[in-house]
Protein backbone atom coordinates (compact mmCIF):
# COMPACT_ATOMS: atom_id res chain seq x y z
CA MET A 1 108.74 -63.69 160.07
CA GLY A 2 109.08 -65.17 156.67
CA SER A 3 111.39 -68.17 156.04
CA TYR A 4 115.25 -67.76 155.84
CA LEU A 5 116.90 -67.32 152.55
CA SER A 6 117.82 -69.97 150.20
CA GLU A 7 121.25 -70.48 148.72
CA ARG A 8 119.91 -69.03 145.38
CA GLU A 9 118.70 -65.78 147.17
CA LEU A 10 121.94 -65.37 148.93
CA LYS A 11 123.91 -65.59 145.79
CA ASP A 12 121.85 -62.62 144.54
CA LEU A 13 122.79 -60.59 147.43
CA ASP A 14 126.02 -58.51 148.36
CA SER A 15 127.66 -58.28 151.71
CA ALA A 16 126.66 -55.57 153.96
CA GLN A 17 130.24 -54.86 154.75
CA GLU A 18 130.70 -54.29 150.93
CA GLY A 19 128.19 -51.52 150.93
CA PHE A 20 129.04 -47.79 151.60
CA GLU A 21 130.55 -47.37 154.91
CA SER A 22 128.13 -44.82 156.12
CA PRO A 23 127.70 -43.81 160.00
CA VAL A 24 123.98 -44.77 159.32
CA PRO A 25 122.69 -47.51 156.99
CA THR A 26 121.69 -46.13 153.66
CA GLN A 27 119.71 -49.16 152.76
CA ILE A 28 117.77 -52.04 154.58
CA ILE A 29 120.08 -54.67 155.77
CA SER A 30 119.00 -58.33 156.03
CA ASN A 31 119.99 -60.76 158.81
CA CYS A 32 119.15 -63.63 156.33
CA GLU A 33 115.46 -63.78 157.75
CA PHE A 34 114.18 -61.86 154.70
CA ASN A 35 115.22 -60.70 151.34
CA PRO A 36 116.33 -57.11 151.59
CA LEU A 37 114.78 -54.35 149.52
CA PRO A 38 116.88 -52.46 147.00
CA GLN A 39 117.99 -48.94 147.86
CA THR A 40 115.15 -46.52 147.49
CA PRO A 41 115.60 -43.17 145.45
CA GLN A 42 115.71 -41.37 148.76
CA GLN A 43 118.25 -43.58 150.26
CA LYS A 44 120.41 -43.34 147.07
CA ARG A 45 120.07 -39.48 147.69
CA VAL A 46 121.20 -39.68 151.24
CA GLU A 47 124.21 -41.80 150.40
CA ALA A 48 125.31 -39.43 147.63
CA ARG A 49 124.92 -36.48 149.87
CA ILE A 50 126.93 -38.11 152.82
CA LYS A 51 129.65 -38.76 150.37
CA GLU A 52 129.65 -35.03 149.16
CA LEU A 53 129.65 -33.75 152.76
CA ALA A 54 132.28 -36.17 153.73
CA ASP A 55 134.51 -35.13 150.78
CA GLY A 56 134.10 -31.58 151.74
CA TYR A 57 134.69 -31.81 155.52
CA ALA A 58 137.28 -34.50 155.64
CA GLY A 59 139.94 -32.65 153.72
CA LYS A 60 139.42 -29.43 155.97
CA GLN A 61 139.94 -31.79 159.06
CA GLY A 62 142.88 -33.54 157.57
CA LEU A 63 141.22 -36.92 157.27
CA SER A 64 140.54 -39.44 154.78
CA ARG A 65 136.69 -39.96 153.78
CA ARG A 66 136.63 -43.17 155.77
CA ALA A 67 138.25 -41.62 158.73
CA PHE A 68 135.93 -38.78 158.73
CA LEU A 69 132.87 -41.04 158.53
CA GLN A 70 134.08 -42.95 161.47
CA SER A 71 134.22 -39.80 163.58
CA SER A 72 131.58 -37.81 165.56
CA CYS A 73 131.61 -35.34 162.86
CA GLY A 74 130.82 -38.00 160.30
CA MET A 75 127.74 -38.93 162.28
CA ALA A 76 126.51 -35.50 162.31
CA ALA A 77 127.11 -35.06 158.67
CA ALA A 78 125.07 -38.34 157.97
CA PHE A 79 122.02 -36.85 159.83
CA LEU A 80 122.50 -33.58 157.76
CA ALA A 81 122.07 -35.51 154.58
CA MET A 82 118.93 -37.39 156.15
CA ASN A 83 117.41 -33.87 156.93
CA GLU A 84 118.12 -32.73 153.38
CA VAL A 85 116.36 -35.67 151.95
CA PHE A 86 113.57 -36.36 154.42
CA GLY A 87 112.93 -33.12 155.98
CA SER A 88 114.19 -31.75 159.31
CA LEU A 89 113.46 -34.57 161.56
CA PHE A 90 117.07 -34.82 163.29
CA ASP A 91 118.85 -32.47 165.46
CA THR A 92 122.03 -31.93 163.89
CA SER A 93 124.03 -28.88 162.45
CA GLU A 94 126.66 -27.88 159.87
CA ALA A 95 128.77 -26.55 162.75
CA GLU A 96 128.72 -29.98 164.51
CA ALA A 97 129.84 -31.80 161.21
CA ALA A 98 132.55 -29.17 160.62
CA THR A 99 133.90 -28.79 164.17
CA PRO A 100 135.58 -31.83 165.73
CA GLU A 101 135.72 -30.19 169.15
CA MET A 102 132.07 -29.60 169.14
CA ALA A 103 131.11 -33.10 168.00
CA GLN A 104 133.47 -34.78 170.33
CA GLU A 105 132.19 -32.67 173.25
CA ARG A 106 128.63 -33.68 172.57
CA ALA A 107 129.66 -37.37 172.22
CA LYS A 108 131.51 -37.27 175.50
CA ALA A 109 128.63 -35.59 177.34
CA LEU A 110 126.16 -38.10 176.21
CA SER A 111 128.46 -41.14 176.63
CA HIS A 112 127.32 -41.53 180.28
CA GLN A 113 123.61 -41.70 179.28
CA PHE A 114 122.03 -44.71 180.96
CA ILE A 115 121.02 -47.08 177.97
CA PHE A 116 119.41 -50.49 178.46
CA ASP A 117 119.14 -52.55 175.32
CA ASP A 118 116.13 -54.88 175.88
CA GLN A 119 116.71 -57.05 172.87
CA THR A 120 120.13 -58.44 171.80
CA HIS A 121 121.25 -61.55 170.23
CA PHE A 122 124.26 -63.76 169.29
CA VAL A 123 124.61 -67.33 168.14
CA HIS A 124 126.35 -70.25 169.94
CA ASP A 125 129.64 -71.40 168.76
CA ASP A 126 128.22 -74.79 167.51
CA PHE A 127 125.42 -73.17 165.49
CA LYS A 128 125.31 -75.04 162.21
CA GLN A 129 122.62 -73.18 160.27
CA THR A 130 124.84 -71.39 157.68
CA HIS A 131 122.09 -69.25 156.35
CA LEU A 132 122.09 -67.16 159.64
CA LEU A 133 125.85 -67.18 160.48
CA GLY A 134 126.46 -63.93 158.30
CA VAL A 135 128.62 -62.55 155.66
CA GLY A 136 131.92 -64.16 156.52
CA LEU A 137 130.83 -67.72 156.08
CA PHE A 138 128.88 -66.89 152.93
CA ALA A 139 131.87 -65.34 151.47
CA ALA A 140 134.14 -68.29 152.42
CA GLU A 141 131.65 -70.84 151.22
CA TYR A 142 130.28 -69.40 148.11
CA TRP A 143 132.87 -66.88 146.75
CA GLU A 144 135.66 -69.47 146.69
CA THR A 145 138.03 -67.22 148.68
CA ASP A 146 140.88 -68.28 150.91
CA LEU A 147 138.93 -66.79 154.06
CA ASN A 148 138.89 -68.85 157.26
CA ALA A 149 135.15 -69.45 157.56
CA GLU A 150 135.38 -70.21 161.37
CA GLN A 151 137.30 -67.03 162.15
CA LEU A 152 135.06 -64.84 160.17
CA THR A 153 131.70 -66.48 161.62
CA LEU A 154 133.08 -65.76 165.09
CA ALA A 155 133.72 -62.12 164.10
CA ASP A 156 130.13 -61.64 162.63
CA TYR A 157 127.53 -63.17 164.97
CA LYS A 158 129.16 -64.79 167.84
CA PHE A 159 130.18 -63.93 171.31
CA GLU A 160 133.35 -61.90 170.57
CA ASN A 161 131.86 -59.47 168.19
CA TYR A 162 128.77 -59.18 170.44
CA VAL A 163 130.86 -57.82 173.40
CA ARG A 164 132.70 -55.41 171.05
CA GLN A 165 129.71 -54.01 169.13
CA ILE A 166 127.30 -53.70 172.23
CA PHE A 167 129.59 -52.67 175.13
CA PHE A 168 132.64 -51.23 173.58
CA ASN A 169 131.28 -49.76 170.35
CA SER A 170 128.17 -48.14 171.59
CA ASP A 171 126.97 -46.19 174.51
CA THR A 172 124.87 -49.19 175.88
CA LYS A 173 125.41 -49.75 179.51
CA VAL A 174 123.20 -52.88 180.14
CA ALA A 175 122.02 -55.47 177.61
CA LEU A 176 119.28 -58.29 177.78
CA LEU A 177 120.56 -61.40 175.92
CA SER A 178 117.61 -63.17 174.10
CA GLY A 179 116.99 -66.38 172.23
CA ALA A 180 114.43 -67.83 169.80
CA PRO A 181 112.53 -71.03 169.54
CA PHE A 182 112.09 -73.31 166.51
CA ASP A 183 110.26 -76.56 166.02
CA ASP A 184 113.80 -77.84 164.99
CA PRO A 185 115.98 -77.51 168.00
CA ALA A 186 119.05 -77.23 165.67
CA TRP A 187 117.93 -73.75 164.67
CA TRP A 188 117.96 -72.30 168.20
CA LEU A 189 120.27 -69.37 168.32
CA ILE A 190 121.58 -69.99 171.84
CA PRO A 191 120.06 -72.50 174.44
CA ASN A 192 118.69 -71.21 177.64
CA ALA A 193 121.71 -72.67 179.61
CA GLN A 194 124.21 -70.94 177.54
CA ILE A 195 122.37 -67.63 177.87
CA LYS A 196 122.87 -67.86 181.59
CA GLN A 197 126.48 -68.74 181.18
CA ALA A 198 127.11 -65.76 179.01
CA VAL A 199 125.47 -63.49 181.36
CA ASP A 200 127.43 -64.79 184.37
CA MET A 201 130.70 -64.47 182.29
CA ILE A 202 130.01 -61.05 181.26
CA ASN A 203 129.07 -59.77 184.68
CA GLU A 204 132.02 -61.58 186.29
CA VAL A 205 134.54 -59.96 183.95
CA ALA A 206 132.89 -56.50 184.07
CA GLY A 207 132.63 -56.61 187.98
CA SER A 208 129.08 -55.23 187.66
CA ARG A 209 125.65 -56.19 186.37
CA ARG A 210 126.13 -55.37 182.70
CA MET A 211 123.96 -58.09 181.18
CA LEU A 212 120.56 -59.79 181.88
CA GLY A 213 119.24 -62.98 180.17
CA HIS A 214 116.05 -64.59 179.13
CA ALA A 215 114.88 -67.90 179.41
CA VAL A 216 112.93 -68.94 176.23
CA ILE A 217 109.57 -70.73 176.77
CA THR A 218 107.87 -73.02 174.18
CA PRO A 219 104.26 -73.54 175.48
CA GLY A 220 102.74 -76.68 174.02
CA GLN A 221 105.93 -78.56 173.25
CA ASP A 222 106.82 -81.66 175.20
CA GLY A 223 108.39 -80.96 178.55
CA TRP A 224 108.11 -77.18 178.19
CA MET A 225 107.09 -76.85 181.78
CA ASP A 226 109.89 -78.97 183.06
CA GLU A 227 112.31 -76.61 181.21
CA VAL A 228 110.62 -73.62 183.16
CA ASP A 229 111.06 -75.56 186.38
CA CYS A 230 114.75 -76.15 185.54
CA ALA A 231 115.25 -72.44 184.74
CA LEU A 232 113.78 -71.49 187.98
CA GLU A 233 115.69 -73.92 190.05
CA GLU A 234 119.26 -73.98 188.38
CA ARG A 235 119.63 -70.93 186.42
CA ARG A 236 117.09 -68.21 187.53
CA PRO A 237 116.37 -65.93 184.40
CA ASP A 238 115.77 -62.24 184.51
CA SER A 239 112.72 -62.58 182.29
CA TRP A 240 111.01 -64.81 179.92
CA LYS A 241 110.85 -64.75 176.27
CA GLY A 242 108.10 -66.31 174.02
CA TYR A 243 106.85 -66.44 170.48
CA THR A 244 103.05 -66.92 170.25
CA ILE A 245 103.57 -67.81 166.56
CA GLY A 246 105.65 -70.80 167.80
CA ASP A 247 108.28 -71.32 165.22
CA PRO A 248 109.09 -67.70 163.82
CA ILE A 249 110.39 -68.81 160.47
CA SER A 250 107.90 -71.29 159.23
CA ALA A 251 104.29 -70.94 158.40
CA GLU A 252 103.82 -74.60 159.04
CA THR A 253 104.73 -73.83 162.66
CA LYS A 254 103.45 -76.56 164.83
CA PHE A 255 103.04 -75.02 168.26
CA PRO A 256 101.28 -71.58 168.08
CA TRP A 257 99.58 -70.42 171.27
CA ARG A 258 97.67 -67.63 172.93
CA LEU A 259 98.73 -65.53 175.99
CA ASP A 260 95.15 -65.87 177.26
CA ASP A 261 94.91 -69.66 177.13
CA GLU A 262 93.88 -70.49 180.59
CA GLU A 263 94.75 -74.21 180.52
CA LEU A 264 98.11 -73.77 178.79
CA MET A 265 99.60 -70.34 180.17
CA TYR A 266 98.00 -69.77 183.31
CA PRO A 267 99.77 -72.46 185.28
CA PHE A 268 102.86 -70.88 183.93
CA TYR A 269 102.12 -67.40 185.05
CA GLU A 270 101.39 -68.78 188.63
CA LYS A 271 104.93 -70.21 188.62
CA ALA A 272 106.38 -66.99 187.37
CA VAL A 273 104.63 -64.86 189.85
CA ALA A 274 105.41 -67.14 192.67
CA ALA A 275 109.13 -66.99 191.73
CA GLY A 276 109.13 -63.36 191.21
CA VAL A 277 110.14 -63.48 187.61
CA THR A 278 107.44 -61.39 186.16
CA ASN A 279 108.72 -59.85 182.88
CA LEU A 280 107.43 -61.58 179.75
CA CYS A 281 108.85 -60.56 176.47
CA ILE A 282 106.72 -61.70 173.49
CA HIS A 283 107.57 -61.52 169.94
CA LYS A 284 104.60 -60.08 167.79
CA GLY A 285 104.28 -58.34 164.55
CA LEU A 286 106.82 -58.39 161.52
CA MET A 287 104.60 -60.12 158.92
CA PRO A 288 104.78 -59.84 155.13
CA ALA A 289 102.17 -57.93 153.32
CA ASP A 290 100.55 -61.18 152.06
CA TYR A 291 100.50 -62.63 155.57
CA GLU A 292 96.86 -63.86 155.13
CA GLU A 293 97.94 -66.08 152.30
CA SER A 294 101.46 -66.84 153.21
CA TRP A 295 100.76 -67.52 156.82
CA PRO A 296 97.18 -68.75 156.74
CA GLU A 297 95.41 -69.71 160.11
CA VAL A 298 98.51 -68.81 162.25
CA TRP A 299 98.99 -65.06 161.41
CA LYS A 300 96.63 -63.93 164.14
CA HIS A 301 99.17 -65.02 166.72
CA GLN A 302 101.30 -62.16 165.67
CA THR A 303 98.55 -59.51 166.44
CA PRO A 304 97.46 -58.14 170.00
CA TRP A 305 94.26 -60.32 170.06
CA ASP A 306 95.38 -62.36 173.03
CA ILE A 307 97.02 -59.56 175.13
CA PRO A 308 93.92 -57.80 176.85
CA LYS A 309 92.65 -60.70 178.75
CA ALA A 310 95.93 -62.09 179.85
CA ALA A 311 97.08 -58.61 181.06
CA LYS A 312 93.86 -58.14 182.88
CA ASP A 313 93.81 -61.48 184.48
CA TRP A 314 97.63 -61.22 185.47
CA PRO A 315 98.41 -57.64 186.63
CA GLU A 316 101.54 -58.95 188.30
CA ILE A 317 102.96 -59.84 184.83
CA ASN A 318 104.63 -57.30 182.59
CA PHE A 319 103.84 -58.09 179.03
CA ILE A 320 106.63 -56.53 176.97
CA ILE A 321 105.72 -56.81 173.32
CA TYR A 322 108.67 -57.02 171.19
CA HIS A 323 108.83 -55.09 167.81
CA GLY A 324 105.75 -53.11 169.29
CA CYS A 325 103.57 -55.57 167.17
CA LEU A 326 104.35 -53.62 164.07
CA ARG A 327 102.99 -55.52 161.20
CA PRO A 328 104.71 -54.25 158.10
CA PHE A 329 107.65 -56.51 157.08
CA LEU A 330 109.45 -57.31 153.85
CA GLU A 331 108.39 -53.80 152.50
CA LEU A 332 109.34 -50.23 152.71
CA PRO A 333 107.61 -48.14 155.37
CA ASP A 334 106.19 -45.84 152.71
CA LYS A 335 102.92 -47.56 152.38
CA ALA A 336 102.53 -47.65 156.17
CA LEU A 337 103.32 -44.06 156.34
CA ALA A 338 100.76 -43.17 153.64
CA GLU A 339 98.09 -45.21 155.54
CA PHE A 340 99.00 -43.44 158.81
CA GLU A 341 98.82 -40.01 157.22
CA GLU A 342 95.49 -40.80 155.96
CA SER A 343 93.83 -42.56 158.89
CA GLY A 344 96.12 -42.01 161.87
CA GLU A 345 96.46 -45.84 162.19
CA ILE A 346 99.52 -48.13 162.01
CA THR A 347 98.47 -51.85 161.40
CA TRP A 348 98.62 -53.81 164.75
CA ALA A 349 100.78 -51.21 166.37
CA SER A 350 98.02 -48.96 167.04
CA ASP A 351 95.84 -51.82 168.35
CA LEU A 352 98.60 -52.54 170.83
CA ALA A 353 99.00 -48.90 171.78
CA ARG A 354 95.32 -48.72 172.67
CA VAL A 355 95.14 -51.93 174.81
CA PRO A 356 95.93 -50.05 178.04
CA GLU A 357 93.38 -47.40 177.75
CA GLU A 358 90.65 -49.64 176.33
CA HIS A 359 91.02 -52.38 178.73
CA GLY A 360 92.21 -50.65 181.96
CA VAL A 361 95.67 -52.18 182.26
CA SER A 362 99.00 -50.81 182.89
CA ASN A 363 101.32 -53.76 182.45
CA VAL A 364 101.53 -53.78 178.65
CA TYR A 365 104.61 -52.25 176.91
CA ALA A 366 105.85 -51.76 173.35
CA GLU A 367 109.50 -52.54 172.59
CA LEU A 368 111.19 -51.05 169.59
CA GLY A 369 113.59 -53.76 168.30
CA SER A 370 113.91 -53.81 164.46
CA SER A 371 110.78 -51.70 164.05
CA PHE A 372 112.78 -48.60 164.72
CA ALA A 373 115.97 -49.85 163.04
CA ASN A 374 114.20 -50.41 159.83
CA SER A 375 112.30 -47.14 159.78
CA ALA A 376 114.63 -44.63 161.28
CA THR A 377 116.73 -44.24 158.20
CA ALA A 378 114.48 -45.57 155.47
CA SER A 379 111.48 -43.33 156.54
CA PRO A 380 112.14 -41.34 159.67
CA ARG A 381 108.83 -39.59 159.48
CA PHE A 382 107.32 -43.07 159.91
CA ALA A 383 109.58 -43.72 162.84
CA ALA A 384 108.38 -40.43 164.30
CA ALA A 385 104.66 -41.59 163.77
CA LEU A 386 105.27 -44.99 165.39
CA LEU A 387 106.90 -43.44 168.47
CA GLY A 388 104.12 -40.82 168.81
CA THR A 389 101.51 -43.43 168.63
CA TYR A 390 103.01 -45.60 171.38
CA ILE A 391 103.71 -42.51 173.59
CA LYS A 392 100.28 -40.91 173.11
CA HIS A 393 98.13 -43.93 173.90
CA MET A 394 100.67 -45.96 176.45
CA GLY A 395 102.81 -43.04 177.94
CA ALA A 396 106.60 -42.57 177.46
CA ASP A 397 106.98 -44.79 180.47
CA HIS A 398 105.60 -47.84 178.65
CA VAL A 399 107.87 -47.71 175.52
CA ILE A 400 110.95 -49.83 175.70
CA TRP A 401 114.32 -49.32 174.08
CA GLY A 402 115.72 -52.51 172.06
CA THR A 403 117.80 -52.71 168.90
CA ASP A 404 117.82 -56.36 167.81
CA SER A 405 121.57 -56.11 167.58
CA LEU A 406 123.89 -57.93 166.46
CA TRP A 407 121.71 -58.26 163.41
CA TYR A 408 122.28 -54.55 162.52
CA GLY A 409 125.96 -54.20 163.73
CA SER A 410 126.72 -51.76 166.48
CA PRO A 411 123.54 -50.13 167.92
CA GLN A 412 125.12 -46.81 168.20
CA TRP A 413 123.69 -45.37 164.82
CA GLN A 414 120.07 -46.42 166.42
CA ILE A 415 121.06 -44.66 169.70
CA GLU A 416 122.10 -41.48 167.67
CA ALA A 417 119.00 -41.55 165.53
CA LEU A 418 116.57 -41.69 168.63
CA ARG A 419 118.79 -38.93 170.33
CA ARG A 420 118.49 -36.70 167.40
CA LEU A 421 114.73 -37.55 166.22
CA GLU A 422 111.92 -35.18 166.62
CA ILE A 423 108.27 -35.50 165.64
CA PRO A 424 107.48 -32.88 163.06
CA GLU A 425 105.18 -30.02 164.15
CA ASP A 426 102.48 -30.81 161.64
CA MET A 427 102.37 -34.40 162.94
CA GLN A 428 102.27 -33.19 166.48
CA GLU A 429 99.42 -30.85 165.62
CA LYS A 430 97.32 -33.32 163.66
CA HIS A 431 97.64 -36.26 165.98
CA GLY A 432 98.07 -34.66 169.27
CA PHE A 433 101.52 -36.07 169.74
CA ALA A 434 103.91 -34.52 172.27
CA PRO A 435 107.42 -33.61 171.23
CA LEU A 436 110.08 -36.18 171.95
CA GLY A 437 112.58 -33.49 173.29
CA GLY A 438 116.36 -33.38 173.05
CA ALA A 439 118.78 -36.32 173.56
CA THR A 440 118.34 -36.21 177.26
CA SER A 441 114.64 -35.33 177.58
CA THR A 442 112.48 -36.99 180.13
CA THR A 443 110.79 -38.78 177.27
CA LYS A 444 114.06 -40.19 175.62
CA SER A 445 115.65 -40.86 179.00
CA ALA A 446 112.67 -43.00 179.89
CA ILE A 447 112.65 -44.90 176.65
CA PHE A 448 116.46 -45.41 176.54
CA GLY A 449 116.77 -47.00 179.98
CA LEU A 450 114.70 -45.80 182.86
CA ASN A 451 111.66 -47.88 182.01
CA SER A 452 113.57 -51.15 181.79
CA ALA A 453 115.54 -50.27 184.92
CA ARG A 454 112.32 -50.02 186.85
CA LEU A 455 111.11 -53.21 185.28
CA TYR A 456 114.22 -55.12 186.02
CA ASN A 457 114.75 -53.43 189.62
CA LEU A 458 117.92 -51.73 188.73
CA ASP A 459 118.60 -48.96 191.37
CA LEU A 460 119.41 -45.72 189.43
CA SER A 461 119.35 -43.40 192.63
CA ALA A 462 122.42 -41.26 192.96
CA ASP A 463 123.54 -42.95 196.29
CA GLY A 464 125.69 -45.93 196.04
CA ASN A 465 124.71 -47.74 192.93
CA ASP A 466 126.45 -48.63 189.63
CA TYR A 467 124.07 -46.93 187.19
CA ALA A 468 123.70 -43.20 187.83
CA PRO A 469 126.03 -42.73 186.12
CA MET A 470 127.63 -46.08 186.15
CA HIS A 471 130.74 -46.16 188.33
CA PRO A 472 133.90 -47.44 186.47
CA ASP A 473 134.19 -51.17 186.09
CA LYS A 474 136.47 -53.41 184.16
CA PHE A 475 134.32 -52.91 180.99
CA ASP A 476 134.73 -49.12 181.40
CA GLU A 477 138.57 -49.57 181.71
CA ILE A 478 138.60 -51.86 178.52
CA LYS A 479 136.52 -49.47 176.61
CA GLN A 480 138.75 -46.46 177.35
CA THR A 481 141.69 -48.53 176.01
CA TYR A 482 139.65 -49.61 173.08
CA GLU A 483 138.70 -46.17 172.19
CA ARG A 484 142.43 -44.94 172.47
CA ALA A 485 143.28 -47.70 169.99
CA GLY A 486 140.80 -46.41 167.45
CA GLY A 487 137.88 -48.75 168.25
CA LEU A 488 135.83 -50.62 165.66
CA VAL A 489 134.19 -49.27 162.50
CA PRO A 490 131.05 -47.87 164.14
CA ASP A 491 128.85 -48.61 161.14
CA ALA A 492 130.24 -52.30 160.74
CA ALA A 493 127.01 -54.21 159.83
CA CYS A 494 126.36 -57.91 159.61
CA GLY A 495 124.03 -59.14 156.85
CA TYR A 496 123.00 -58.66 153.31
CA ILE A 497 122.15 -55.80 150.94
CA LYS A 498 120.66 -55.79 147.45
């Protein structure tokens, strides 16, 4: 990733919460890790059409525009607008947008769908890096308001808002809490010990296993294997998280590493296998267009170059590649889509997708965090191409759902985008892609949660478990109360827009 935004850059941006309150984003949102791109002409057309549809339907339903857009009908209307601008890629209808009973019946029927979010984040309460804390702190610090910065930051990127957005404001059933390493420890979003504490707290309150957690590894740094030992002995993680780039925000990263480094990594793999913690989530991809100049020497660590040998040597380890190794970053997906239409290739993502068939391995997976979020509404045809590429070469059983929330607010709009998305017929025919199917198709059900359930040994059989569908627990009770009280604005997003 590129470096975090400077104070000057932040002053040129607006709060995402000041943007149009659409059920789905109508422009790319930054989490302060990158400068967001301005609205495209297509996104402006989508936003204008959503407003038109909302004004038309809201009055007939006796609602304000705002209330309509927060409803299930408003979600359907948003995807109608998307179809009008980008082509018919989403399953929606005028009847659904116009008929509250129809929209509510659909939402209720899908509310029990098993969804496992493999990549979620929040920051610890003592996090001091103000450029990441979000809209509230920025407003309090730079706009000379009377807002209470501490309260606002807690409402944006911290634990309380995480629980609301992930568990009560979306259909997510189980979430994996992640972290990120930096050369400067002060930048760690949440330490490993606090990840474990959060996991235990959520599960105790819920009365079921609603949250899983990572232990972040830092190969090459002093004492990193001691931290691995501590994690295994004192706070056994559900899986591991690593960044082969080292520090993800600095091209001067001091500790890049390779998955196939036998001297550095293979002793770790031995410990992980012996302990039975064999899921390894690896951040790759998401580099700017000028990566060869802006990240000289180290950019290759974001590619799949080190996956084949490690995966072949360690079949017991599941290598879950975050962001699906998608290269494009700090740019609209349009150029990547044009390249795909011309060649059938998506930079780095296609290379990852071919690893299993080219190297005879079955333990490599593509996770969708951020990659799907930043294409589903900006260029849904590209999102379809990305999914089609992974599924064709890796199989639907090797594609993992993740949203990178909280950075994009509630993950519900991403869930709805995948539920409704279909690969266009011309793309299916040209590239040999299979259709995605309906919201609960075998393919989408696998991606949404069944694949991760298998990886994390969650029993989804119908006999005596908490997942098929999940038996009512404390969180279910709280969510019902929460929904009766009106819930939270479903599109509430944290971050910045231009």
